[in-house]
Amino acid sequence: TVMSIIESGGLVGWVIVLLGGVAILMALLRAYLLQTNSADTQQLTEQIISQLTSGELEAAKKTCENNSSAIGRVLHYALRHLKDDREHMEGIVYEAILQESGPLDRFGAAILVIASVSPLLGLLGTVIGMIETFDMITQFGTGDPKLLADGISLALVTTELGLIVAIPALMLCTLLSSWAKNIKRDME
């Protein structure tokens, strides 16, 4: 069973599984944050431009306020400073983009760290398992394979668990980072 496999990985195996759970939780939270900050940029900008060409500045501001996306908030900043000179307005919009970029990057680095550390923990488990195996050989010789099996099992299981956590975490991190970059590009 899955539990017996994890248990055969010892303490290192449980640490890897725990990190995998944390990575999944952070990936779900980041996906939720990105979903709430996403918008149909084309539709929103067309609606705002249509309202502005009709002279409905307040309606355009209200549309931006009602849109919960990062792009809607940046457009709202721009509309509030529409009458300012170009340089001042660019500074305001740039500041708004920087402010909105923080939540888009949240948890990305932590997921990447877990993806990087998991195989290293698997390697640590491998080393621990091999040390246990050689200790058994030193004490009892190579006559009883059952004595050697625990150390070898620890070595192989922790490597497996490290890779099982690292590969999906790295893929999720890359996909979510790409999504965040697309939102930032749309804001710019």
N, C-alpha and C. Protein backbone atom coordinates (compact mmCIF):
# COMPACT_ATOMS: atom_id res chain seq x y z
N THR A 1 0.84 -1.19 0.00
CA THR A 1 0.00 0.00 0.00
C THR A 1 0.88 1.24 0.00
N VAL A 2 0.26 2.36 -0.22
CA VAL A 2 0.98 3.63 -0.25
C VAL A 2 1.59 3.93 1.11
N MET A 3 0.83 3.69 2.17
CA MET A 3 1.34 3.97 3.52
C MET A 3 2.55 3.11 3.85
N SER A 4 2.53 1.86 3.44
CA SER A 4 3.68 1.00 3.73
C SER A 4 4.91 1.44 2.94
N ILE A 5 4.70 1.94 1.74
CA ILE A 5 5.82 2.44 0.95
C ILE A 5 6.42 3.67 1.63
N ILE A 6 5.55 4.58 2.07
CA ILE A 6 6.04 5.79 2.74
C ILE A 6 6.75 5.42 4.04
N GLU A 7 6.16 4.49 4.79
CA GLU A 7 6.78 4.07 6.05
C GLU A 7 8.13 3.41 5.83
N SER A 8 8.29 2.71 4.71
CA SER A 8 9.58 2.08 4.45
C SER A 8 10.65 3.12 4.09
N GLY A 9 10.21 4.34 3.78
CA GLY A 9 11.15 5.43 3.53
C GLY A 9 11.64 6.10 4.79
N GLY A 10 11.09 5.72 5.92
CA GLY A 10 11.54 6.26 7.20
C GLY A 10 11.18 7.73 7.36
N LEU A 11 11.90 8.39 8.24
CA LEU A 11 11.64 9.80 8.55
C LEU A 11 11.81 10.68 7.31
N VAL A 12 12.82 10.41 6.53
CA VAL A 12 13.06 11.21 5.32
C VAL A 12 11.89 11.06 4.35
N GLY A 13 11.34 9.85 4.24
CA GLY A 13 10.19 9.64 3.37
C GLY A 13 8.99 10.46 3.81
N TRP A 14 8.74 10.51 5.12
CA TRP A 14 7.62 11.31 5.63
C TRP A 14 7.85 12.80 5.41
N VAL A 15 9.09 13.25 5.55
CA VAL A 15 9.38 14.67 5.30
C VAL A 15 9.11 15.01 3.84
N ILE A 16 9.51 14.14 2.94
CA ILE A 16 9.28 14.38 1.51
C ILE A 16 7.79 14.43 1.21
N VAL A 17 7.01 13.50 1.77
CA VAL A 17 5.56 13.49 1.55
C VAL A 17 4.92 14.75 2.13
N LEU A 18 5.37 15.16 3.30
CA LEU A 18 4.85 16.38 3.91
C LEU A 18 5.13 17.59 3.02
N LEU A 19 6.35 17.68 2.49
CA LEU A 19 6.69 18.77 1.57
C LEU A 19 5.84 18.72 0.30
N GLY A 20 5.57 17.51 -0.17
CA GLY A 20 4.70 17.37 -1.34
C GLY A 20 3.30 17.90 -1.07
N GLY A 21 2.77 17.61 0.12
CA GLY A 21 1.46 18.14 0.50
C GLY A 21 1.46 19.66 0.58
N VAL A 22 2.53 20.21 1.15
CA VAL A 22 2.65 21.68 1.23
C VAL A 22 2.72 22.28 -0.17
N ALA A 23 3.46 21.64 -1.07
CA ALA A 23 3.58 22.14 -2.45
C ALA A 23 2.22 22.12 -3.15
N ILE A 24 1.46 21.06 -2.95
CA ILE A 24 0.12 20.99 -3.57
C ILE A 24 -0.78 22.09 -3.02
N LEU A 25 -0.75 22.29 -1.72
CA LEU A 25 -1.56 23.33 -1.10
C LEU A 25 -1.19 24.71 -1.64
N MET A 26 0.11 25.00 -1.71
CA MET A 26 0.55 26.30 -2.23
C MET A 26 0.20 26.46 -3.70
N ALA A 27 0.30 25.38 -4.48
CA ALA A 27 -0.06 25.46 -5.90
C ALA A 27 -1.55 25.75 -6.07
N LEU A 28 -2.38 25.13 -5.24
CA LEU A 28 -3.82 25.40 -5.31
C LEU A 28 -4.14 26.84 -4.91
N LEU A 29 -3.48 27.33 -3.85
CA LEU A 29 -3.68 28.72 -3.44
C LEU A 29 -3.23 29.69 -4.53
N ARG A 30 -2.08 29.39 -5.14
CA ARG A 30 -1.60 30.27 -6.20
C ARG A 30 -2.53 30.24 -7.40
N ALA A 31 -3.02 29.08 -7.75
CA ALA A 31 -3.97 28.98 -8.88
C ALA A 31 -5.23 29.78 -8.57
N TYR A 32 -5.70 29.73 -7.32
CA TYR A 32 -6.88 30.51 -6.93
C TYR A 32 -6.59 32.01 -7.05
N LEU A 33 -5.43 32.44 -6.56
CA LEU A 33 -5.06 33.86 -6.67
C LEU A 33 -4.96 34.30 -8.12
N LEU A 34 -4.38 33.47 -8.95
CA LEU A 34 -4.26 33.83 -10.37
C LEU A 34 -5.63 33.86 -11.05
N GLN A 35 -6.49 32.93 -10.67
CA GLN A 35 -7.84 32.91 -11.25
C GLN A 35 -8.60 34.18 -10.87
N THR A 36 -8.50 34.59 -9.61
CA THR A 36 -9.22 35.79 -9.19
C THR A 36 -8.63 37.06 -9.80
N ASN A 37 -7.36 37.02 -10.21
CA ASN A 37 -6.73 38.20 -10.81
C ASN A 37 -6.74 38.16 -12.33
N SER A 38 -7.34 37.14 -12.91
CA SER A 38 -7.42 37.03 -14.36
C SER A 38 -8.68 37.73 -14.87
N ALA A 39 -8.59 38.14 -16.09
CA ALA A 39 -9.77 38.76 -16.72
C ALA A 39 -9.65 38.59 -18.22
N ASP A 40 -10.77 38.74 -18.88
CA ASP A 40 -10.76 38.78 -20.34
C ASP A 40 -10.33 40.19 -20.73
N THR A 41 -9.04 40.35 -20.93
CA THR A 41 -8.47 41.68 -21.17
C THR A 41 -9.07 42.35 -22.40
N GLN A 42 -9.22 41.58 -23.45
CA GLN A 42 -9.74 42.14 -24.69
C GLN A 42 -11.15 42.71 -24.48
N GLN A 43 -12.00 41.93 -23.85
CA GLN A 43 -13.38 42.38 -23.63
C GLN A 43 -13.42 43.58 -22.71
N LEU A 44 -12.63 43.55 -21.63
CA LEU A 44 -12.62 44.64 -20.67
C LEU A 44 -12.12 45.94 -21.30
N THR A 45 -11.03 45.87 -22.05
CA THR A 45 -10.50 47.09 -22.67
C THR A 45 -11.45 47.63 -23.74
N GLU A 46 -12.07 46.75 -24.50
CA GLU A 46 -13.04 47.21 -25.50
C GLU A 46 -14.21 47.92 -24.83
N GLN A 47 -14.68 47.38 -23.72
CA GLN A 47 -15.78 47.99 -22.99
C GLN A 47 -15.37 49.36 -22.45
N ILE A 48 -14.17 49.46 -21.88
CA ILE A 48 -13.68 50.73 -21.33
C ILE A 48 -13.49 51.76 -22.44
N ILE A 49 -12.89 51.36 -23.55
CA ILE A 49 -12.67 52.29 -24.67
C ILE A 49 -14.01 52.76 -25.23
N SER A 50 -14.97 51.85 -25.32
CA SER A 50 -16.30 52.22 -25.81
C SER A 50 -16.94 53.25 -24.88
N GLN A 51 -16.81 53.05 -23.58
CA GLN A 51 -17.39 53.99 -22.63
C GLN A 51 -16.66 55.33 -22.68
N LEU A 52 -15.35 55.31 -22.85
CA LEU A 52 -14.59 56.56 -22.91
C LEU A 52 -14.88 57.35 -24.18
N THR A 53 -15.04 56.66 -25.32
CA THR A 53 -15.35 57.38 -26.56
C THR A 53 -16.76 57.97 -26.52
N SER A 54 -17.62 57.37 -25.70
CA SER A 54 -18.97 57.92 -25.51
C SER A 54 -18.99 59.03 -24.47
N GLY A 55 -17.84 59.31 -23.84
CA GLY A 55 -17.76 60.36 -22.84
C GLY A 55 -18.24 59.93 -21.47
N GLU A 56 -18.30 58.63 -21.23
CA GLU A 56 -18.81 58.11 -19.96
C GLU A 56 -17.65 57.69 -19.06
N LEU A 57 -16.88 58.66 -18.58
CA LEU A 57 -15.71 58.38 -17.74
C LEU A 57 -16.12 57.70 -16.43
N GLU A 58 -17.17 58.19 -15.81
CA GLU A 58 -17.61 57.60 -14.54
C GLU A 58 -18.10 56.17 -14.72
N ALA A 59 -18.75 55.89 -15.84
CA ALA A 59 -19.20 54.52 -16.11
C ALA A 59 -18.00 53.60 -16.33
N ALA A 60 -16.96 54.12 -16.99
CA ALA A 60 -15.75 53.34 -17.21
C ALA A 60 -15.06 53.04 -15.88
N LYS A 61 -15.02 54.05 -14.99
CA LYS A 61 -14.43 53.83 -13.66
C LYS A 61 -15.24 52.78 -12.89
N LYS A 62 -16.54 52.85 -13.00
CA LYS A 62 -17.41 51.91 -12.29
C LYS A 62 -17.20 50.49 -12.84
N THR A 63 -17.02 50.37 -14.15
CA THR A 63 -16.76 49.07 -14.75
C THR A 63 -15.47 48.47 -14.20
N CYS A 64 -14.44 49.31 -14.07
CA CYS A 64 -13.16 48.85 -13.52
C CYS A 64 -13.30 48.46 -12.05
N GLU A 65 -14.08 49.24 -11.29
CA GLU A 65 -14.29 48.92 -9.88
C GLU A 65 -15.00 47.59 -9.71
N ASN A 66 -15.94 47.30 -10.60
CA ASN A 66 -16.71 46.06 -10.51
C ASN A 66 -15.92 44.85 -10.98
N ASN A 67 -14.83 45.07 -11.70
CA ASN A 67 -13.99 43.98 -12.16
C ASN A 67 -12.94 43.68 -11.09
N SER A 68 -12.90 42.46 -10.61
CA SER A 68 -12.00 42.12 -9.49
C SER A 68 -10.61 41.71 -9.94
N SER A 69 -10.30 41.83 -11.21
CA SER A 69 -9.00 41.39 -11.70
C SER A 69 -7.93 42.45 -11.50
N ALA A 70 -6.69 42.03 -11.60
CA ALA A 70 -5.55 42.94 -11.48
C ALA A 70 -5.58 43.97 -12.62
N ILE A 71 -5.96 43.53 -13.79
CA ILE A 71 -6.01 44.43 -14.94
C ILE A 71 -7.08 45.50 -14.73
N GLY A 72 -8.21 45.13 -14.17
CA GLY A 72 -9.26 46.09 -13.86
C GLY A 72 -8.79 47.14 -12.87
N ARG A 73 -8.02 46.73 -11.88
CA ARG A 73 -7.50 47.69 -10.90
C ARG A 73 -6.47 48.63 -11.52
N VAL A 74 -5.62 48.10 -12.41
CA VAL A 74 -4.64 48.96 -13.08
C VAL A 74 -5.35 49.96 -13.99
N LEU A 75 -6.36 49.50 -14.72
CA LEU A 75 -7.13 50.42 -15.56
C LEU A 75 -7.83 51.48 -14.72
N HIS A 76 -8.28 51.10 -13.55
CA HIS A 76 -8.93 52.06 -12.67
C HIS A 76 -7.95 53.14 -12.24
N TYR A 77 -6.72 52.75 -11.89
CA TYR A 77 -5.68 53.74 -11.58
C TYR A 77 -5.46 54.68 -12.76
N ALA A 78 -5.40 54.10 -13.95
CA ALA A 78 -5.16 54.92 -15.14
C ALA A 78 -6.31 55.90 -15.37
N LEU A 79 -7.54 55.45 -15.20
CA LEU A 79 -8.70 56.31 -15.42
C LEU A 79 -8.78 57.43 -14.39
N ARG A 80 -8.36 57.14 -13.16
CA ARG A 80 -8.39 58.19 -12.14
C ARG A 80 -7.40 59.31 -12.45
N HIS A 81 -6.36 58.99 -13.20
CA HIS A 81 -5.34 59.98 -13.53
C HIS A 81 -5.32 60.30 -15.03
N LEU A 82 -6.47 60.16 -15.65
CA LEU A 82 -6.58 60.35 -17.10
C LEU A 82 -6.25 61.78 -17.52
N LYS A 83 -6.55 62.73 -16.69
CA LYS A 83 -6.35 64.14 -17.06
C LYS A 83 -4.94 64.63 -16.75
N ASP A 84 -4.12 63.79 -16.07
CA ASP A 84 -2.73 64.17 -15.76
C ASP A 84 -1.88 64.14 -17.03
N ASP A 85 -0.68 64.75 -16.92
CA ASP A 85 0.22 64.69 -18.08
C ASP A 85 0.72 63.25 -18.25
N ARG A 86 1.24 62.98 -19.44
CA ARG A 86 1.60 61.62 -19.83
C ARG A 86 2.65 60.99 -18.90
N GLU A 87 3.69 61.72 -18.54
CA GLU A 87 4.75 61.17 -17.70
C GLU A 87 4.23 60.80 -16.31
N HIS A 88 3.42 61.67 -15.74
CA HIS A 88 2.86 61.39 -14.42
C HIS A 88 1.94 60.17 -14.48
N MET A 89 1.14 60.09 -15.53
CA MET A 89 0.22 58.97 -15.68
C MET A 89 0.98 57.65 -15.87
N GLU A 90 2.07 57.69 -16.66
CA GLU A 90 2.87 56.49 -16.85
C GLU A 90 3.47 56.02 -15.53
N GLY A 91 3.91 56.96 -14.72
CA GLY A 91 4.46 56.62 -13.41
C GLY A 91 3.41 55.98 -12.52
N ILE A 92 2.20 56.53 -12.54
CA ILE A 92 1.10 55.99 -11.73
C ILE A 92 0.75 54.57 -12.19
N VAL A 93 0.66 54.37 -13.50
CA VAL A 93 0.31 53.06 -14.03
C VAL A 93 1.42 52.05 -13.73
N TYR A 94 2.68 52.48 -13.87
CA TYR A 94 3.81 51.60 -13.57
C TYR A 94 3.78 51.18 -12.10
N GLU A 95 3.49 52.12 -11.22
CA GLU A 95 3.39 51.83 -9.79
C GLU A 95 2.24 50.86 -9.52
N ALA A 96 1.13 51.04 -10.20
CA ALA A 96 -0.02 50.14 -10.03
C ALA A 96 0.32 48.73 -10.49
N ILE A 97 1.05 48.62 -11.61
CA ILE A 97 1.45 47.31 -12.11
C ILE A 97 2.38 46.62 -11.11
N LEU A 98 3.32 47.38 -10.56
CA LEU A 98 4.22 46.81 -9.55
C LEU A 98 3.45 46.33 -8.32
N GLN A 99 2.47 47.10 -7.92
CA GLN A 99 1.66 46.74 -6.75
C GLN A 99 0.86 45.46 -7.02
N GLU A 100 0.36 45.32 -8.22
CA GLU A 100 -0.45 44.15 -8.56
C GLU A 100 0.41 42.92 -8.85
N SER A 101 1.69 43.11 -9.15
CA SER A 101 2.56 41.98 -9.49
C SER A 101 2.90 41.12 -8.28
N GLY A 102 2.96 41.71 -7.09
CA GLY A 102 3.30 40.96 -5.89
C GLY A 102 2.41 39.75 -5.64
N PRO A 103 1.09 39.94 -5.58
CA PRO A 103 0.22 38.78 -5.35
C PRO A 103 0.28 37.73 -6.46
N LEU A 104 0.62 38.15 -7.66
CA LEU A 104 0.70 37.19 -8.77
C LEU A 104 1.88 36.23 -8.61
N ASP A 105 2.93 36.69 -7.93
CA ASP A 105 4.12 35.87 -7.75
C ASP A 105 4.11 35.08 -6.45
N ARG A 106 3.09 35.26 -5.64
CA ARG A 106 3.03 34.63 -4.32
C ARG A 106 3.11 33.10 -4.44
N PHE A 107 3.88 32.49 -3.58
CA PHE A 107 4.08 31.05 -3.44
C PHE A 107 4.91 30.43 -4.56
N GLY A 108 5.24 31.17 -5.59
CA GLY A 108 6.00 30.59 -6.71
C GLY A 108 7.39 30.13 -6.29
N ALA A 109 8.10 30.97 -5.57
CA ALA A 109 9.46 30.62 -5.14
C ALA A 109 9.43 29.44 -4.16
N ALA A 110 8.45 29.40 -3.29
CA ALA A 110 8.37 28.31 -2.30
C ALA A 110 8.12 26.96 -2.99
N ILE A 111 7.25 26.96 -4.00
CA ILE A 111 6.99 25.73 -4.74
C ILE A 111 8.26 25.27 -5.46
N LEU A 112 8.98 26.22 -6.01
CA LEU A 112 10.23 25.90 -6.71
C LEU A 112 11.27 25.35 -5.74
N VAL A 113 11.33 25.89 -4.54
CA VAL A 113 12.27 25.38 -3.53
C VAL A 113 11.92 23.93 -3.17
N ILE A 114 10.65 23.65 -2.99
CA ILE A 114 10.24 22.27 -2.66
C ILE A 114 10.59 21.34 -3.82
N ALA A 115 10.37 21.80 -5.05
CA ALA A 115 10.71 20.97 -6.21
C ALA A 115 12.21 20.71 -6.28
N SER A 116 13.01 21.65 -5.80
CA SER A 116 14.47 21.48 -5.82
C SER A 116 14.98 20.64 -4.65
N VAL A 117 14.35 20.79 -3.50
CA VAL A 117 14.82 20.12 -2.29
C VAL A 117 14.38 18.66 -2.24
N SER A 118 13.25 18.33 -2.80
CA SER A 118 12.73 16.96 -2.71
C SER A 118 13.69 15.90 -3.25
N PRO A 119 14.28 16.07 -4.43
CA PRO A 119 15.24 15.06 -4.88
C PRO A 119 16.49 15.00 -4.00
N LEU A 120 16.87 16.14 -3.44
CA LEU A 120 18.02 16.14 -2.53
C LEU A 120 17.71 15.37 -1.26
N LEU A 121 16.48 15.51 -0.77
CA LEU A 121 16.08 14.71 0.39
C LEU A 121 16.03 13.23 0.02
N GLY A 122 15.59 12.94 -1.20
CA GLY A 122 15.62 11.56 -1.67
C GLY A 122 17.04 11.01 -1.70
N LEU A 123 17.96 11.84 -2.12
CA LEU A 123 19.37 11.43 -2.13
C LEU A 123 19.89 11.24 -0.71
N LEU A 124 19.46 12.09 0.21
CA LEU A 124 19.83 11.93 1.61
C LEU A 124 19.33 10.59 2.14
N GLY A 125 18.09 10.26 1.81
CA GLY A 125 17.55 8.96 2.22
C GLY A 125 18.33 7.80 1.61
N THR A 126 18.77 7.98 0.38
CA THR A 126 19.58 6.96 -0.27
C THR A 126 20.88 6.74 0.49
N VAL A 127 21.53 7.83 0.84
CA VAL A 127 22.79 7.74 1.60
C VAL A 127 22.55 7.09 2.96
N ILE A 128 21.49 7.50 3.65
CA ILE A 128 21.18 6.91 4.96
C ILE A 128 20.92 5.41 4.81
N GLY A 129 20.15 5.03 3.79
CA GLY A 129 19.86 3.61 3.56
C GLY A 129 21.11 2.80 3.25
N MET A 130 22.01 3.35 2.48
CA MET A 130 23.25 2.64 2.15
C MET A 130 24.15 2.52 3.37
N ILE A 131 24.18 3.55 4.20
CA ILE A 131 24.96 3.47 5.44
C ILE A 131 24.40 2.37 6.34
N GLU A 132 23.06 2.31 6.46
CA GLU A 132 22.45 1.24 7.25
C GLU A 132 22.79 -0.13 6.69
N THR A 133 22.76 -0.24 5.37
CA THR A 133 23.08 -1.52 4.73
C THR A 133 24.51 -1.93 5.04
N PHE A 134 25.45 -1.01 4.92
CA PHE A 134 26.85 -1.34 5.19
C PHE A 134 27.08 -1.62 6.67
N ASP A 135 26.32 -0.96 7.54
CA ASP A 135 26.42 -1.28 8.97
C ASP A 135 25.97 -2.72 9.23
N MET A 136 24.89 -3.13 8.58
CA MET A 136 24.40 -4.50 8.73
C MET A 136 25.41 -5.50 8.18
N ILE A 137 26.02 -5.18 7.05
CA ILE A 137 27.04 -6.07 6.48
C ILE A 137 28.22 -6.20 7.43
N THR A 138 28.59 -5.06 8.04
CA THR A 138 29.71 -5.07 8.98
C THR A 138 29.40 -5.94 10.19
N GLN A 139 28.19 -5.85 10.71
CA GLN A 139 27.82 -6.59 11.91
C GLN A 139 27.54 -8.06 11.65
N PHE A 140 26.76 -8.34 10.58
CA PHE A 140 26.25 -9.70 10.39
C PHE A 140 26.75 -10.38 9.12
N GLY A 141 27.50 -9.69 8.30
CA GLY A 141 27.95 -10.27 7.04
C GLY A 141 26.86 -10.22 5.99
N THR A 142 27.06 -10.91 4.89
CA THR A 142 26.11 -10.87 3.78
C THR A 142 25.25 -12.13 3.70
N GLY A 143 25.26 -12.94 4.75
CA GLY A 143 24.55 -14.22 4.72
C GLY A 143 23.04 -14.11 4.73
N ASP A 144 22.48 -13.07 5.38
CA ASP A 144 21.02 -12.96 5.49
C ASP A 144 20.53 -11.74 4.70
N PRO A 145 19.91 -11.97 3.55
CA PRO A 145 19.44 -10.86 2.73
C PRO A 145 18.35 -10.01 3.39
N LYS A 146 17.58 -10.58 4.32
CA LYS A 146 16.53 -9.83 5.00
C LYS A 146 17.11 -8.66 5.79
N LEU A 147 18.29 -8.86 6.36
CA LEU A 147 18.92 -7.79 7.12
C LEU A 147 19.32 -6.63 6.22
N LEU A 148 19.68 -6.92 4.99
CA LEU A 148 20.10 -5.88 4.05
C LEU A 148 18.91 -5.18 3.40
N ALA A 149 17.79 -5.84 3.36
CA ALA A 149 16.62 -5.33 2.62
C ALA A 149 16.11 -4.01 3.17
N ASP A 150 16.11 -3.83 4.49
CA ASP A 150 15.59 -2.58 5.06
C ASP A 150 16.38 -1.37 4.59
N GLY A 151 17.69 -1.46 4.63
CA GLY A 151 18.53 -0.33 4.21
C GLY A 151 18.39 -0.03 2.74
N ILE A 152 18.34 -1.09 1.93
CA ILE A 152 18.20 -0.90 0.48
C ILE A 152 16.81 -0.33 0.17
N SER A 153 15.80 -0.81 0.87
CA SER A 153 14.44 -0.29 0.68
C SER A 153 14.37 1.19 1.00
N LEU A 154 14.97 1.57 2.13
CA LEU A 154 15.01 2.99 2.50
C LEU A 154 15.68 3.81 1.40
N ALA A 155 16.78 3.29 0.87
CA ALA A 155 17.52 4.01 -0.16
C ALA A 155 16.67 4.22 -1.41
N LEU A 156 15.99 3.18 -1.84
CA LEU A 156 15.23 3.27 -3.09
C LEU A 156 13.93 4.05 -2.93
N VAL A 157 13.24 3.85 -1.82
CA VAL A 157 11.94 4.50 -1.62
C VAL A 157 12.09 6.01 -1.49
N THR A 158 13.09 6.47 -0.76
CA THR A 158 13.24 7.92 -0.60
C THR A 158 13.60 8.59 -1.92
N THR A 159 14.40 7.92 -2.74
CA THR A 159 14.70 8.46 -4.07
C THR A 159 13.43 8.56 -4.90
N GLU A 160 12.63 7.50 -4.85
CA GLU A 160 11.36 7.48 -5.58
C GLU A 160 10.43 8.60 -5.10
N LEU A 161 10.28 8.72 -3.79
CA LEU A 161 9.38 9.75 -3.25
C LEU A 161 9.87 11.15 -3.61
N GLY A 162 11.17 11.37 -3.55
CA GLY A 162 11.72 12.68 -3.91
C GLY A 162 11.39 13.06 -5.34
N LEU A 163 11.50 12.10 -6.24
CA LEU A 163 11.18 12.38 -7.65
C LEU A 163 9.68 12.52 -7.87
N ILE A 164 8.89 11.73 -7.14
CA ILE A 164 7.43 11.82 -7.27
C ILE A 164 6.94 13.20 -6.84
N VAL A 165 7.59 13.80 -5.85
CA VAL A 165 7.20 15.14 -5.41
C VAL A 165 7.79 16.20 -6.34
N ALA A 166 9.04 16.05 -6.73
CA ALA A 166 9.73 17.10 -7.48
C ALA A 166 9.17 17.32 -8.88
N ILE A 167 8.90 16.27 -9.59
CA ILE A 167 8.48 16.41 -11.00
C ILE A 167 7.16 17.16 -11.13
N PRO A 168 6.08 16.76 -10.44
CA PRO A 168 4.84 17.53 -10.56
C PRO A 168 4.97 18.95 -9.99
N ALA A 169 5.73 19.11 -8.91
CA ALA A 169 5.89 20.45 -8.33
C ALA A 169 6.57 21.38 -9.32
N LEU A 170 7.57 20.89 -10.01
CA LEU A 170 8.27 21.70 -11.01
C LEU A 170 7.35 22.03 -12.18
N MET A 171 6.56 21.06 -12.61
CA MET A 171 5.63 21.31 -13.71
C MET A 171 4.57 22.33 -13.31
N LEU A 172 4.00 22.17 -12.12
CA LEU A 172 2.99 23.12 -11.64
C LEU A 172 3.57 24.52 -11.50
N CYS A 173 4.77 24.60 -10.96
CA CYS A 173 5.42 25.90 -10.77
C CYS A 173 5.62 26.60 -12.12
N THR A 174 6.04 25.84 -13.12
CA THR A 174 6.26 26.41 -14.45
C THR A 174 4.95 26.88 -15.07
N LEU A 175 3.91 26.06 -14.97
CA LEU A 175 2.61 26.43 -15.53
C LEU A 175 2.03 27.68 -14.85
N LEU A 176 2.10 27.71 -13.53
CA LEU A 176 1.56 28.85 -12.79
C LEU A 176 2.38 30.11 -13.03
N SER A 177 3.68 29.98 -13.17
CA SER A 177 4.52 31.15 -13.47
C SER A 177 4.21 31.70 -14.87
N SER A 178 3.96 30.80 -15.80
CA SER A 178 3.59 31.23 -17.15
C SER A 178 2.25 31.97 -17.12
N TRP A 179 1.31 31.49 -16.36
CA TRP A 179 0.01 32.15 -16.22
C TRP A 179 0.20 33.55 -15.62
N ALA A 180 1.03 33.65 -14.58
CA ALA A 180 1.28 34.96 -13.95
C ALA A 180 1.96 35.92 -14.93
N LYS A 181 2.89 35.41 -15.73
CA LYS A 181 3.56 36.27 -16.73
C LYS A 181 2.56 36.78 -17.76
N ASN A 182 1.63 35.94 -18.16
CA ASN A 182 0.61 36.37 -19.12
C ASN A 182 -0.26 37.47 -18.54
N ILE A 183 -0.61 37.35 -17.26
CA ILE A 183 -1.43 38.41 -16.62
C ILE A 183 -0.62 39.71 -16.56
N LYS A 184 0.65 39.62 -16.20
CA LYS A 184 1.50 40.83 -16.13
C LYS A 184 1.65 41.45 -17.52
N ARG A 185 1.82 40.60 -18.54
CA ARG A 185 1.94 41.14 -19.90
C ARG A 185 0.66 41.86 -20.30
N ASP A 186 -0.48 41.29 -19.95
CA ASP A 186 -1.75 41.93 -20.27
C ASP A 186 -1.89 43.28 -19.53
N MET A 187 -1.41 43.33 -18.29
CA MET A 187 -1.48 44.59 -17.54
C MET A 187 -0.63 45.66 -18.22
N GLU A 188 0.56 45.26 -18.65
CA GLU A 188 1.45 46.24 -19.30
C GLU A 188 0.85 46.72 -20.61
